[in-house]
Full PDB file with SEQRES, HELIX, SHEET, SSBOND, CRYST1, ORIGX, SCALE, CONECT and MASTER records, all heavy atoms in Angstrom:
SEQRES   1 A   30  PHE LYS ALA GLY VAL ASN TYR TYR ASP THR ALA TYR ILE          
SEQRES   2 A   30  TYR PRO GLY SER GLU ALA ALA LEU GLY GLU ILE VAL GLU          
SEQRES   3 A   30  ARG ASN GLY ILE                                              
HELIX    1 AA1 SER A   17  ASN A   28  1                                  12    
CRYST1    1.000    1.000    1.000  90.00  90.00  90.00 P 1           1          
ORIGX1      1.000000  0.000000  0.000000        0.00000                         
ORIGX2      0.000000  1.000000  0.000000        0.00000                         
ORIGX3      0.000000  0.000000  1.000000        0.00000                         
SCALE1      1.000000  0.000000  0.000000        0.00000                         
SCALE2      0.000000  1.000000  0.000000        0.00000                         
SCALE3      0.000000  0.000000  1.000000        0.00000                         
ATOM      1  N   PHE A   1      -5.735  78.009 -19.863  1.00  0.00           N  
ATOM      2  CA  PHE A   1      -5.055  77.297 -18.777  1.00  0.00           C  
ATOM      3  C   PHE A   1      -6.025  76.384 -18.029  1.00  0.00           C  
ATOM      4  O   PHE A   1      -5.724  75.209 -17.760  1.00  0.00           O  
ATOM      5  CB  PHE A   1      -4.418  78.300 -17.817  1.00  0.00           C  
ATOM      6  CG  PHE A   1      -3.893  77.689 -16.552  1.00  0.00           C  
ATOM      7  CD1 PHE A   1      -2.717  76.950 -16.557  1.00  0.00           C  
ATOM      8  CD2 PHE A   1      -4.574  77.844 -15.347  1.00  0.00           C  
ATOM      9  CE1 PHE A   1      -2.231  76.376 -15.386  1.00  0.00           C  
ATOM     10  CE2 PHE A   1      -4.106  77.272 -14.184  1.00  0.00           C  
ATOM     11  CZ  PHE A   1      -2.923  76.530 -14.193  1.00  0.00           C  
ATOM     12  N   LYS A   2      -7.197  76.913 -17.706  1.00  0.00           N  
ATOM     13  CA  LYS A   2      -8.189  76.126 -16.976  1.00  0.00           C  
ATOM     14  C   LYS A   2      -8.712  74.950 -17.801  1.00  0.00           C  
ATOM     15  O   LYS A   2      -9.150  73.942 -17.250  1.00  0.00           O  
ATOM     16  CB  LYS A   2      -9.333  77.025 -16.527  1.00  0.00           C  
ATOM     17  CG  LYS A   2      -8.922  77.994 -15.423  1.00  0.00           C  
ATOM     18  CD  LYS A   2     -10.003  79.030 -15.123  1.00  0.00           C  
ATOM     19  CE  LYS A   2      -9.505  80.041 -14.089  1.00  0.00           C  
ATOM     20  NZ  LYS A   2     -10.494  81.142 -13.869  1.00  0.00           N  
ATOM     21  N   ALA A   3      -8.644  75.088 -19.135  1.00  0.00           N  
ATOM     22  CA  ALA A   3      -9.079  74.006 -20.020  1.00  0.00           C  
ATOM     23  C   ALA A   3      -7.975  72.982 -20.254  1.00  0.00           C  
ATOM     24  O   ALA A   3      -8.203  71.978 -20.926  1.00  0.00           O  
ATOM     25  CB  ALA A   3      -9.539  74.583 -21.355  1.00  0.00           C  
ATOM     26  N   GLY A   4      -6.781  73.245 -19.706  1.00  0.00           N  
ATOM     27  CA  GLY A   4      -5.699  72.268 -19.792  1.00  0.00           C  
ATOM     28  C   GLY A   4      -4.549  72.610 -20.704  1.00  0.00           C  
ATOM     29  O   GLY A   4      -3.615  71.820 -20.861  1.00  0.00           O  
ATOM     30  N   VAL A   5      -4.561  73.795 -21.334  1.00  0.00           N  
ATOM     31  CA  VAL A   5      -3.444  74.194 -22.198  1.00  0.00           C  
ATOM     32  C   VAL A   5      -2.226  74.481 -21.329  1.00  0.00           C  
ATOM     33  O   VAL A   5      -2.286  75.288 -20.398  1.00  0.00           O  
ATOM     34  CB  VAL A   5      -3.808  75.449 -23.024  1.00  0.00           C  
ATOM     35  CG1 VAL A   5      -2.601  75.949 -23.810  1.00  0.00           C  
ATOM     36  CG2 VAL A   5      -4.971  75.148 -23.969  1.00  0.00           C  
ATOM     37  N   ASN A   6      -1.103  73.827 -21.635  1.00  0.00           N  
ATOM     38  CA  ASN A   6       0.093  74.024 -20.802  1.00  0.00           C  
ATOM     39  C   ASN A   6       1.318  74.465 -21.604  1.00  0.00           C  
ATOM     40  O   ASN A   6       2.432  74.455 -21.101  1.00  0.00           O  
ATOM     41  CB  ASN A   6       0.416  72.766 -19.994  1.00  0.00           C  
ATOM     42  CG  ASN A   6       0.906  71.594 -20.841  1.00  0.00           C  
ATOM     43  OD1 ASN A   6       1.058  71.701 -22.063  1.00  0.00           O  
ATOM     44  ND2 ASN A   6       1.153  70.461 -20.191  1.00  0.00           N  
ATOM     45  N   TYR A   7       1.110  74.870 -22.873  1.00  0.00           N  
ATOM     46  CA  TYR A   7       2.227  75.292 -23.723  1.00  0.00           C  
ATOM     47  C   TYR A   7       1.915  76.682 -24.281  1.00  0.00           C  
ATOM     48  O   TYR A   7       0.903  76.871 -24.971  1.00  0.00           O  
ATOM     49  CB  TYR A   7       2.410  74.297 -24.869  1.00  0.00           C  
ATOM     50  CG  TYR A   7       3.682  74.476 -25.677  1.00  0.00           C  
ATOM     51  CD1 TYR A   7       4.831  73.743 -25.366  1.00  0.00           C  
ATOM     52  CD2 TYR A   7       3.745  75.360 -26.751  1.00  0.00           C  
ATOM     53  CE1 TYR A   7       5.996  73.888 -26.106  1.00  0.00           C  
ATOM     54  CE2 TYR A   7       4.904  75.518 -27.485  1.00  0.00           C  
ATOM     55  CZ  TYR A   7       6.026  74.782 -27.163  1.00  0.00           C  
ATOM     56  OH  TYR A   7       7.182  74.927 -27.894  1.00  0.00           O  
ATOM     57  N   TYR A   8       2.802  77.664 -23.978  1.00  0.00           N  
ATOM     58  CA  TYR A   8       2.579  79.059 -24.361  1.00  0.00           C  
ATOM     59  C   TYR A   8       3.800  79.560 -25.128  1.00  0.00           C  
ATOM     60  O   TYR A   8       4.910  79.592 -24.591  1.00  0.00           O  
ATOM     61  CB  TYR A   8       2.298  79.905 -23.119  1.00  0.00           C  
ATOM     62  CG  TYR A   8       1.014  79.483 -22.437  1.00  0.00           C  
ATOM     63  CD1 TYR A   8       0.976  78.361 -21.606  1.00  0.00           C  
ATOM     64  CD2 TYR A   8      -0.181  80.160 -22.675  1.00  0.00           C  
ATOM     65  CE1 TYR A   8      -0.204  77.927 -21.017  1.00  0.00           C  
ATOM     66  CE2 TYR A   8      -1.369  79.740 -22.086  1.00  0.00           C  
ATOM     67  CZ  TYR A   8      -1.371  78.623 -21.268  1.00  0.00           C  
ATOM     68  OH  TYR A   8      -2.547  78.205 -20.701  1.00  0.00           O  
ATOM     69  N   ASP A   9       3.580  79.968 -26.371  1.00  0.00           N  
ATOM     70  CA  ASP A   9       4.671  80.290 -27.287  1.00  0.00           C  
ATOM     71  C   ASP A   9       4.738  81.793 -27.571  1.00  0.00           C  
ATOM     72  O   ASP A   9       3.746  82.418 -27.950  1.00  0.00           O  
ATOM     73  CB  ASP A   9       4.440  79.537 -28.607  1.00  0.00           C  
ATOM     74  CG  ASP A   9       5.422  79.951 -29.684  1.00  0.00           C  
ATOM     75  OD1 ASP A   9       5.125  80.900 -30.444  1.00  0.00           O  
ATOM     76  OD2 ASP A   9       6.487  79.321 -29.776  1.00  0.00           O  
ATOM     77  N   THR A  10       5.917  82.363 -27.398  1.00  0.00           N  
ATOM     78  CA  THR A  10       6.138  83.774 -27.699  1.00  0.00           C  
ATOM     79  C   THR A  10       7.505  83.914 -28.361  1.00  0.00           C  
ATOM     80  O   THR A  10       8.133  82.924 -28.732  1.00  0.00           O  
ATOM     81  CB  THR A  10       6.016  84.618 -26.412  1.00  0.00           C  
ATOM     82  OG1 THR A  10       6.179  86.001 -26.736  1.00  0.00           O  
ATOM     83  CG2 THR A  10       7.040  84.221 -25.358  1.00  0.00           C  
ATOM     84  N   ALA A  11       7.960  85.150 -28.545  1.00  0.00           N  
ATOM     85  CA  ALA A  11       9.264  85.376 -29.172  1.00  0.00           C  
ATOM     86  C   ALA A  11       9.741  86.786 -28.879  1.00  0.00           C  
ATOM     87  O   ALA A  11       8.951  87.675 -28.586  1.00  0.00           O  
ATOM     88  CB  ALA A  11       9.189  85.153 -30.686  1.00  0.00           C  
ATOM     89  N   TYR A  12      11.036  86.977 -28.998  1.00  0.00           N  
ATOM     90  CA  TYR A  12      11.659  88.276 -28.715  1.00  0.00           C  
ATOM     91  C   TYR A  12      11.062  89.382 -29.573  1.00  0.00           C  
ATOM     92  O   TYR A  12      10.853  90.506 -29.095  1.00  0.00           O  
ATOM     93  CB  TYR A  12      13.165  88.179 -28.968  1.00  0.00           C  
ATOM     94  CG  TYR A  12      13.916  89.455 -28.664  1.00  0.00           C  
ATOM     95  CD1 TYR A  12      14.315  89.741 -27.361  1.00  0.00           C  
ATOM     96  CD2 TYR A  12      14.204  90.379 -29.669  1.00  0.00           C  
ATOM     97  CE1 TYR A  12      14.998  90.921 -27.069  1.00  0.00           C  
ATOM     98  CE2 TYR A  12      14.881  91.551 -29.390  1.00  0.00           C  
ATOM     99  CZ  TYR A  12      15.276  91.821 -28.084  1.00  0.00           C  
ATOM    100  OH  TYR A  12      15.944  92.989 -27.804  1.00  0.00           O  
ATOM    101  N   ILE A  13      10.770  89.081 -30.837  1.00  0.00           N  
ATOM    102  CA  ILE A  13      10.333  90.147 -31.754  1.00  0.00           C  
ATOM    103  C   ILE A  13       8.824  90.325 -31.816  1.00  0.00           C  
ATOM    104  O   ILE A  13       8.342  91.162 -32.584  1.00  0.00           O  
ATOM    105  CB  ILE A  13      10.870  89.914 -33.176  1.00  0.00           C  
ATOM    106  CG1 ILE A  13      10.290  88.631 -33.782  1.00  0.00           C  
ATOM    107  CG2 ILE A  13      12.373  89.920 -33.198  1.00  0.00           C  
ATOM    108  CD1 ILE A  13      10.498  88.536 -35.287  1.00  0.00           C  
ATOM    109  N   TYR A  14       8.047  89.571 -31.047  1.00  0.00           N  
ATOM    110  CA  TYR A  14       6.605  89.820 -31.010  1.00  0.00           C  
ATOM    111  C   TYR A  14       6.375  91.009 -30.077  1.00  0.00           C  
ATOM    112  O   TYR A  14       6.536  90.879 -28.858  1.00  0.00           O  
ATOM    113  CB  TYR A  14       5.836  88.613 -30.476  1.00  0.00           C  
ATOM    114  CG  TYR A  14       5.991  87.329 -31.254  1.00  0.00           C  
ATOM    115  CD1 TYR A  14       5.573  86.124 -30.718  1.00  0.00           C  
ATOM    116  CD2 TYR A  14       6.536  87.313 -32.545  1.00  0.00           C  
ATOM    117  CE1 TYR A  14       5.699  84.933 -31.421  1.00  0.00           C  
ATOM    118  CE2 TYR A  14       6.669  86.140 -33.243  1.00  0.00           C  
ATOM    119  CZ  TYR A  14       6.249  84.945 -32.674  1.00  0.00           C  
ATOM    120  OH  TYR A  14       6.378  83.770 -33.374  1.00  0.00           O  
ATOM    121  N   PRO A  15       5.989  92.170 -30.602  1.00  0.00           N  
ATOM    122  CA  PRO A  15       5.931  93.391 -29.785  1.00  0.00           C  
ATOM    123  C   PRO A  15       5.076  93.253 -28.528  1.00  0.00           C  
ATOM    124  O   PRO A  15       3.867  93.012 -28.604  1.00  0.00           O  
ATOM    125  CB  PRO A  15       5.326  94.419 -30.749  1.00  0.00           C  
ATOM    126  CG  PRO A  15       5.675  93.917 -32.108  1.00  0.00           C  
ATOM    127  CD  PRO A  15       5.605  92.422 -32.004  1.00  0.00           C  
ATOM    128  N   GLY A  16       5.723  93.376 -27.369  1.00  0.00           N  
ATOM    129  CA  GLY A  16       5.021  93.355 -26.093  1.00  0.00           C  
ATOM    130  C   GLY A  16       4.583  91.980 -25.610  1.00  0.00           C  
ATOM    131  O   GLY A  16       4.082  91.846 -24.484  1.00  0.00           O  
ATOM    132  N   SER A  17       4.779  90.962 -26.423  1.00  0.00           N  
ATOM    133  CA  SER A  17       4.226  89.634 -26.111  1.00  0.00           C  
ATOM    134  C   SER A  17       4.881  88.981 -24.900  1.00  0.00           C  
ATOM    135  O   SER A  17       4.197  88.486 -23.996  1.00  0.00           O  
ATOM    136  CB  SER A  17       4.361  88.717 -27.335  1.00  0.00           C  
ATOM    137  OG  SER A  17       3.933  87.406 -27.025  1.00  0.00           O  
ATOM    138  N   GLU A  18       6.223  88.960 -24.881  1.00  0.00           N  
ATOM    139  CA  GLU A  18       6.909  88.321 -23.760  1.00  0.00           C  
ATOM    140  C   GLU A  18       6.556  89.006 -22.439  1.00  0.00           C  
ATOM    141  O   GLU A  18       6.269  88.343 -21.434  1.00  0.00           O  
ATOM    142  CB  GLU A  18       8.430  88.343 -23.974  1.00  0.00           C  
ATOM    143  CG  GLU A  18       8.905  87.397 -25.055  1.00  0.00           C  
ATOM    144  CD  GLU A  18      10.404  87.484 -25.283  1.00  0.00           C  
ATOM    145  OE1 GLU A  18      10.977  88.596 -25.170  1.00  0.00           O  
ATOM    146  OE2 GLU A  18      11.015  86.444 -25.567  1.00  0.00           O  
ATOM    147  N   ALA A  19       6.560  90.336 -22.440  1.00  0.00           N  
ATOM    148  CA  ALA A  19       6.256  91.087 -21.216  1.00  0.00           C  
ATOM    149  C   ALA A  19       4.825  90.841 -20.760  1.00  0.00           C  
ATOM    150  O   ALA A  19       4.550  90.683 -19.557  1.00  0.00           O  
ATOM    151  CB  ALA A  19       6.492  92.578 -21.439  1.00  0.00           C  
ATOM    152  N   ALA A  20       3.895  90.789 -21.705  1.00  0.00           N  
ATOM    153  CA  ALA A  20       2.495  90.547 -21.352  1.00  0.00           C  
ATOM    154  C   ALA A  20       2.312  89.155 -20.772  1.00  0.00           C  
ATOM    155  O   ALA A  20       1.641  88.971 -19.744  1.00  0.00           O  
ATOM    156  CB  ALA A  20       1.602  90.731 -22.584  1.00  0.00           C  
ATOM    157  N   LEU A  21       2.915  88.171 -21.411  1.00  0.00           N  
ATOM    158  CA  LEU A  21       2.808  86.803 -20.914  1.00  0.00           C  
ATOM    159  C   LEU A  21       3.427  86.691 -19.528  1.00  0.00           C  
ATOM    160  O   LEU A  21       2.841  86.084 -18.622  1.00  0.00           O  
ATOM    161  CB  LEU A  21       3.490  85.833 -21.879  1.00  0.00           C  
ATOM    162  CG  LEU A  21       3.455  84.359 -21.474  1.00  0.00           C  
ATOM    163  CD1 LEU A  21       2.025  83.836 -21.399  1.00  0.00           C  
ATOM    164  CD2 LEU A  21       4.285  83.512 -22.459  1.00  0.00           C  
ATOM    165  N   GLY A  22       4.604  87.296 -19.343  1.00  0.00           N  
ATOM    166  CA  GLY A  22       5.259  87.249 -18.042  1.00  0.00           C  
ATOM    167  C   GLY A  22       4.415  87.860 -16.949  1.00  0.00           C  
ATOM    168  O   GLY A  22       4.308  87.319 -15.841  1.00  0.00           O  
ATOM    169  N   GLU A  23       3.795  88.995 -17.241  1.00  0.00           N  
ATOM    170  CA  GLU A  23       2.950  89.670 -16.251  1.00  0.00           C  
ATOM    171  C   GLU A  23       1.737  88.813 -15.885  1.00  0.00           C  
ATOM    172  O   GLU A  23       1.396  88.668 -14.701  1.00  0.00           O  
ATOM    173  CB  GLU A  23       2.482  91.014 -16.807  1.00  0.00           C  
ATOM    174  CG  GLU A  23       1.587  91.803 -15.852  1.00  0.00           C  
ATOM    175  CD  GLU A  23       1.163  93.151 -16.408  1.00  0.00           C  
ATOM    176  OE1 GLU A  23       1.842  93.656 -17.333  1.00  0.00           O  
ATOM    177  OE2 GLU A  23       0.149  93.701 -15.924  1.00  0.00           O  
ATOM    178  N   ILE A  24       1.104  88.232 -16.884  1.00  0.00           N  
ATOM    179  CA  ILE A  24      -0.092  87.418 -16.639  1.00  0.00           C  
ATOM    180  C   ILE A  24       0.243  86.158 -15.854  1.00  0.00           C  
ATOM    181  O   ILE A  24      -0.462  85.787 -14.907  1.00  0.00           O  
ATOM    182  CB  ILE A  24      -0.769  87.066 -17.979  1.00  0.00           C  
ATOM    183  CG1 ILE A  24      -1.350  88.330 -18.623  1.00  0.00           C  
ATOM    184  CG2 ILE A  24      -1.862  86.018 -17.783  1.00  0.00           C  
ATOM    185  CD1 ILE A  24      -1.750  88.157 -20.078  1.00  0.00           C  
ATOM    186  N   VAL A  25       1.327  85.520 -16.235  1.00  0.00           N  
ATOM    187  CA  VAL A  25       1.733  84.285 -15.548  1.00  0.00           C  
ATOM    188  C   VAL A  25       2.091  84.567 -14.093  1.00  0.00           C  
ATOM    189  O   VAL A  25       1.672  83.835 -13.181  1.00  0.00           O  
ATOM    190  CB  VAL A  25       2.917  83.633 -16.296  1.00  0.00           C  
ATOM    191  CG1 VAL A  25       3.541  82.518 -15.462  1.00  0.00           C  
ATOM    192  CG2 VAL A  25       2.452  83.077 -17.642  1.00  0.00           C  
ATOM    193  N   GLU A  26       2.858  85.636 -13.847  1.00  0.00           N  
ATOM    194  CA  GLU A  26       3.246  85.983 -12.479  1.00  0.00           C  
ATOM    195  C   GLU A  26       2.033  86.368 -11.647  1.00  0.00           C  
ATOM    196  O   GLU A  26       1.888  85.935 -10.496  1.00  0.00           O  
ATOM    197  CB  GLU A  26       4.244  87.138 -12.512  1.00  0.00           C  
ATOM    198  CG  GLU A  26       4.743  87.538 -11.133  1.00  0.00           C  
ATOM    199  CD  GLU A  26       5.714  88.703 -11.198  1.00  0.00           C  
ATOM    200  OE1 GLU A  26       5.274  89.817 -11.571  1.00  0.00           O  
ATOM    201  OE2 GLU A  26       6.905  88.511 -10.895  1.00  0.00           O  
ATOM    202  N   ARG A  27       1.144  87.165 -12.225  1.00  0.00           N  
ATOM    203  CA  ARG A  27      -0.030  87.638 -11.502  1.00  0.00           C  
ATOM    204  C   ARG A  27      -0.917  86.477 -11.040  1.00  0.00           C  
ATOM    205  O   ARG A  27      -1.539  86.533  -9.978  1.00  0.00           O  
ATOM    206  CB  ARG A  27      -0.832  88.576 -12.404  1.00  0.00           C  
ATOM    207  CG  ARG A  27      -2.027  89.235 -11.720  1.00  0.00           C  
ATOM    208  CD  ARG A  27      -2.840  90.031 -12.738  1.00  0.00           C  
ATOM    209  NE  ARG A  27      -2.068  91.124 -13.310  1.00  0.00           N  
ATOM    210  CZ  ARG A  27      -2.478  91.848 -14.346  1.00  0.00           C  
ATOM    211  NH1 ARG A  27      -3.629  91.580 -14.949  1.00  0.00           N  
ATOM    212  NH2 ARG A  27      -1.732  92.848 -14.795  1.00  0.00           N  
ATOM    213  N   ASN A  28      -0.958  85.427 -11.838  1.00  0.00           N  
ATOM    214  CA  ASN A  28      -1.841  84.298 -11.521  1.00  0.00           C  
ATOM    215  C   ASN A  28      -1.120  83.118 -10.880  1.00  0.00           C  
ATOM    216  O   ASN A  28      -1.750  82.096 -10.588  1.00  0.00           O  
ATOM    217  CB  ASN A  28      -2.560  83.842 -12.794  1.00  0.00           C  
ATOM    218  CG  ASN A  28      -3.603  84.844 -13.247  1.00  0.00           C  
ATOM    219  OD1 ASN A  28      -4.736  84.831 -12.779  1.00  0.00           O  
ATOM    220  ND2 ASN A  28      -3.221  85.742 -14.159  1.00  0.00           N  
ATOM    221  N   GLY A  29       0.182  83.248 -10.660  1.00  0.00           N  
ATOM    222  CA  GLY A  29       0.938  82.216  -9.953  1.00  0.00           C  
ATOM    223  C   GLY A  29       0.941  80.863 -10.627  1.00  0.00           C  
ATOM    224  O   GLY A  29       0.862  79.826  -9.953  1.00  0.00           O  
ATOM    225  N   ILE A  30       1.085  80.847 -11.963  1.00  0.00           N  
ATOM    226  CA  ILE A  30       1.000  79.573 -12.676  1.00  0.00           C  
ATOM    227  C   ILE A  30       2.311  79.168 -13.360  1.00  0.00           C  
ATOM    228  O   ILE A  30       2.330  78.231 -14.166  1.00  0.00           O  
ATOM    229  CB  ILE A  30      -0.131  79.607 -13.727  1.00  0.00           C  
ATOM    230  CG1 ILE A  30       0.128  80.719 -14.764  1.00  0.00           C  
ATOM    231  CG2 ILE A  30      -1.492  79.799 -13.059  1.00  0.00           C  
ATOM    232  CD1 ILE A  30      -0.846  80.687 -15.950  1.00  0.00           C  
TER     233      ILE A  30                                                      
MASTER        0    0    0    1    0    0    0    6  232    1    0    3          
END                                                                             
C-alpha cells in the first residue's frame, strides 16, 4: 500500500482470505 499498490484481489473460496483482508484494511483505515 505504501509503495502505491491500490488493487487487492480475493475470492469467496480462498480460505480465510476475504476475512483477513477485511480485518487488515479496517484496522489500518485504508
